[in-house]
Amino acid sequence: MRLVADDGEQLGIVPIAEALRLAEERAVDLVEIAPLARPPVCKLMDYGKFKYRQRKRQHEAKVQHHRV
């Protein structure tokens, strides 16, 4: 799989076991972001933080939205 670090750095194509080991060492999650790509693309990230930021952005967009 192609592996991308949480800061956007390309770590190259690595075996799944190596990617899981890197995720465990860095205390982050291994998230598959492009499963249909060849090879599949995965990213090392804190998934809980990602979901929190995504919900916060959606809430801010909802607050900014005005109905006519």
N, C-alpha and C. Protein backbone atom coordinates (compact mmCIF):
# COMPACT_ATOMS: atom_id res chain seq x y z
N MET A 1 0.83 -1.17 0.00
CA MET A 1 0.00 0.00 0.00
C MET A 1 0.88 1.23 0.00
N ARG A 2 0.35 2.32 -0.57
CA ARG A 2 1.06 3.60 -0.55
C ARG A 2 0.72 4.26 0.78
N LEU A 3 1.74 4.75 1.48
CA LEU A 3 1.54 5.28 2.82
C LEU A 3 1.89 6.77 2.85
N VAL A 4 1.00 7.55 3.50
CA VAL A 4 1.19 8.99 3.66
C VAL A 4 1.20 9.28 5.15
N ALA A 5 2.16 10.07 5.61
CA ALA A 5 2.25 10.42 7.03
C ALA A 5 1.20 11.47 7.38
N ASP A 6 0.99 11.70 8.67
CA ASP A 6 -0.02 12.66 9.11
C ASP A 6 0.32 14.09 8.73
N ASP A 7 1.59 14.38 8.45
CA ASP A 7 1.98 15.73 8.03
C ASP A 7 2.00 15.87 6.50
N GLY A 8 1.56 14.83 5.79
CA GLY A 8 1.48 14.88 4.33
C GLY A 8 2.70 14.29 3.62
N GLU A 9 3.70 13.89 4.36
CA GLU A 9 4.91 13.33 3.77
C GLU A 9 4.63 11.96 3.17
N GLN A 10 5.09 11.74 1.94
CA GLN A 10 4.93 10.45 1.26
C GLN A 10 5.96 9.48 1.81
N LEU A 11 5.51 8.37 2.39
CA LEU A 11 6.42 7.37 2.93
C LEU A 11 6.68 6.25 1.94
N GLY A 12 6.01 6.29 0.79
CA GLY A 12 6.25 5.31 -0.25
C GLY A 12 5.34 4.10 -0.16
N ILE A 13 5.68 3.08 -0.93
CA ILE A 13 4.89 1.85 -0.95
C ILE A 13 5.52 0.89 0.07
N VAL A 14 4.70 0.49 1.05
CA VAL A 14 5.18 -0.37 2.13
C VAL A 14 4.20 -1.53 2.33
N PRO A 15 4.66 -2.66 2.85
CA PRO A 15 3.76 -3.77 3.16
C PRO A 15 2.82 -3.38 4.30
N ILE A 16 1.70 -4.07 4.40
CA ILE A 16 0.69 -3.76 5.42
C ILE A 16 1.28 -3.90 6.82
N ALA A 17 2.07 -4.93 7.05
CA ALA A 17 2.65 -5.15 8.37
C ALA A 17 3.54 -3.97 8.78
N GLU A 18 4.31 -3.45 7.84
CA GLU A 18 5.18 -2.30 8.12
C GLU A 18 4.35 -1.06 8.43
N ALA A 19 3.26 -0.86 7.68
CA ALA A 19 2.39 0.30 7.92
C ALA A 19 1.74 0.21 9.30
N LEU A 20 1.30 -0.97 9.69
CA LEU A 20 0.71 -1.14 11.01
C LEU A 20 1.74 -0.91 12.12
N ARG A 21 2.96 -1.35 11.89
CA ARG A 21 4.03 -1.14 12.87
C ARG A 21 4.32 0.35 13.03
N LEU A 22 4.39 1.08 11.90
CA LEU A 22 4.63 2.52 11.96
C LEU A 22 3.50 3.24 12.69
N ALA A 23 2.27 2.83 12.43
CA ALA A 23 1.12 3.44 13.10
C ALA A 23 1.19 3.21 14.61
N GLU A 24 1.57 2.01 15.00
CA GLU A 24 1.67 1.69 16.42
C GLU A 24 2.81 2.48 17.07
N GLU A 25 3.94 2.61 16.38
CA GLU A 25 5.07 3.37 16.92
C GLU A 25 4.72 4.83 17.14
N ARG A 26 3.97 5.41 16.20
CA ARG A 26 3.61 6.83 16.27
C ARG A 26 2.34 7.07 17.08
N ALA A 27 1.70 6.00 17.56
CA ALA A 27 0.47 6.07 18.36
C ALA A 27 -0.64 6.80 17.60
N VAL A 28 -0.82 6.44 16.33
CA VAL A 28 -1.89 6.99 15.49
C VAL A 28 -2.63 5.83 14.82
N ASP A 29 -3.66 6.17 14.08
CA ASP A 29 -4.45 5.16 13.37
C ASP A 29 -4.00 5.07 11.92
N LEU A 30 -4.18 3.89 11.33
CA LEU A 30 -3.91 3.67 9.91
C LEU A 30 -5.26 3.71 9.20
N VAL A 31 -5.49 4.74 8.38
CA VAL A 31 -6.79 4.96 7.74
C VAL A 31 -6.64 4.81 6.24
N GLU A 32 -7.49 3.97 5.65
CA GLU A 32 -7.48 3.76 4.21
C GLU A 32 -8.28 4.89 3.57
N ILE A 33 -7.64 5.69 2.71
CA ILE A 33 -8.33 6.84 2.12
C ILE A 33 -8.67 6.65 0.65
N ALA A 34 -8.03 5.72 -0.02
CA ALA A 34 -8.34 5.45 -1.43
C ALA A 34 -8.23 3.94 -1.67
N PRO A 35 -9.29 3.18 -1.33
CA PRO A 35 -9.21 1.72 -1.45
C PRO A 35 -9.18 1.21 -2.89
N LEU A 36 -9.70 1.97 -3.83
CA LEU A 36 -9.77 1.50 -5.22
C LEU A 36 -8.52 1.84 -6.02
N ALA A 37 -7.62 2.65 -5.47
CA ALA A 37 -6.39 3.01 -6.16
C ALA A 37 -5.47 1.79 -6.21
N ARG A 38 -4.56 1.77 -7.15
CA ARG A 38 -3.57 0.70 -7.24
C ARG A 38 -2.20 1.30 -7.06
N PRO A 39 -1.48 1.05 -6.01
CA PRO A 39 -1.88 0.34 -4.80
C PRO A 39 -2.79 1.22 -3.92
N PRO A 40 -3.53 0.61 -2.99
CA PRO A 40 -4.42 1.39 -2.12
C PRO A 40 -3.62 2.42 -1.32
N VAL A 41 -4.25 3.55 -1.03
CA VAL A 41 -3.58 4.64 -0.31
C VAL A 41 -4.10 4.67 1.12
N CYS A 42 -3.17 4.69 2.07
CA CYS A 42 -3.52 4.77 3.49
C CYS A 42 -2.77 5.95 4.11
N LYS A 43 -3.33 6.47 5.19
CA LYS A 43 -2.74 7.62 5.85
C LYS A 43 -2.63 7.35 7.34
N LEU A 44 -1.51 7.77 7.92
CA LEU A 44 -1.32 7.70 9.36
C LEU A 44 -1.93 8.98 9.95
N MET A 45 -2.97 8.84 10.79
CA MET A 45 -3.61 10.02 11.36
C MET A 45 -4.33 9.65 12.65
N ASP A 46 -4.63 10.66 13.45
CA ASP A 46 -5.44 10.48 14.65
C ASP A 46 -6.90 10.59 14.18
N TYR A 47 -7.57 9.46 14.03
CA TYR A 47 -8.91 9.44 13.45
C TYR A 47 -9.93 10.16 14.33
N GLY A 48 -9.81 10.08 15.64
CA GLY A 48 -10.72 10.77 16.54
C GLY A 48 -10.64 12.28 16.36
N LYS A 49 -9.42 12.80 16.24
CA LYS A 49 -9.22 14.23 16.03
C LYS A 49 -9.78 14.65 14.67
N PHE A 50 -9.58 13.81 13.66
CA PHE A 50 -10.10 14.08 12.33
C PHE A 50 -11.62 14.20 12.33
N LYS A 51 -12.30 13.24 12.98
CA LYS A 51 -13.76 13.27 13.05
C LYS A 51 -14.25 14.49 13.82
N TYR A 52 -13.56 14.87 14.90
CA TYR A 52 -13.93 16.04 15.69
C TYR A 52 -13.85 17.30 14.83
N ARG A 53 -12.75 17.47 14.12
CA ARG A 53 -12.59 18.66 13.26
C ARG A 53 -13.63 18.68 12.15
N GLN A 54 -13.94 17.51 11.59
CA GLN A 54 -14.95 17.43 10.53
C GLN A 54 -16.32 17.86 11.05
N ARG A 55 -16.72 17.37 12.24
CA ARG A 55 -18.00 17.77 12.83
C ARG A 55 -18.04 19.26 13.13
N LYS A 56 -16.93 19.79 13.61
CA LYS A 56 -16.85 21.22 13.94
C LYS A 56 -17.01 22.07 12.67
N ARG A 57 -16.37 21.67 11.57
CA ARG A 57 -16.51 22.40 10.30
C ARG A 57 -17.95 22.34 9.79
N GLN A 58 -18.58 21.17 9.90
CA GLN A 58 -19.96 21.03 9.46
C GLN A 58 -20.88 21.92 10.29
N HIS A 59 -20.64 21.99 11.59
CA HIS A 59 -21.46 22.84 12.46
C HIS A 59 -21.28 24.31 12.10
N GLU A 60 -20.04 24.74 11.86
CA GLU A 60 -19.78 26.13 11.48
C GLU A 60 -20.44 26.46 10.15
N ALA A 61 -20.41 25.52 9.20
CA ALA A 61 -21.05 25.75 7.90
C ALA A 61 -22.56 25.86 8.08
N LYS A 62 -23.12 25.06 8.97
CA LYS A 62 -24.56 25.10 9.22
C LYS A 62 -24.95 26.43 9.85
N VAL A 63 -24.13 26.95 10.76
CA VAL A 63 -24.40 28.23 11.41
C VAL A 63 -24.33 29.37 10.39
N GLN A 64 -23.40 29.29 9.45
CA GLN A 64 -23.23 30.33 8.45
C GLN A 64 -24.30 30.30 7.36
N HIS A 65 -24.97 29.18 7.21
CA HIS A 65 -25.97 29.02 6.16
C HIS A 65 -27.24 29.78 6.51
N HIS A 66 -27.74 30.60 5.60
CA HIS A 66 -28.97 31.36 5.82
C HIS A 66 -30.04 30.85 4.88
N ARG A 67 -31.21 30.57 5.42
CA ARG A 67 -32.32 30.13 4.58
C ARG A 67 -33.08 31.33 4.06
N VAL A 68 -33.53 31.22 2.84
CA VAL A 68 -34.27 32.31 2.20
C VAL A 68 -35.73 31.92 2.10
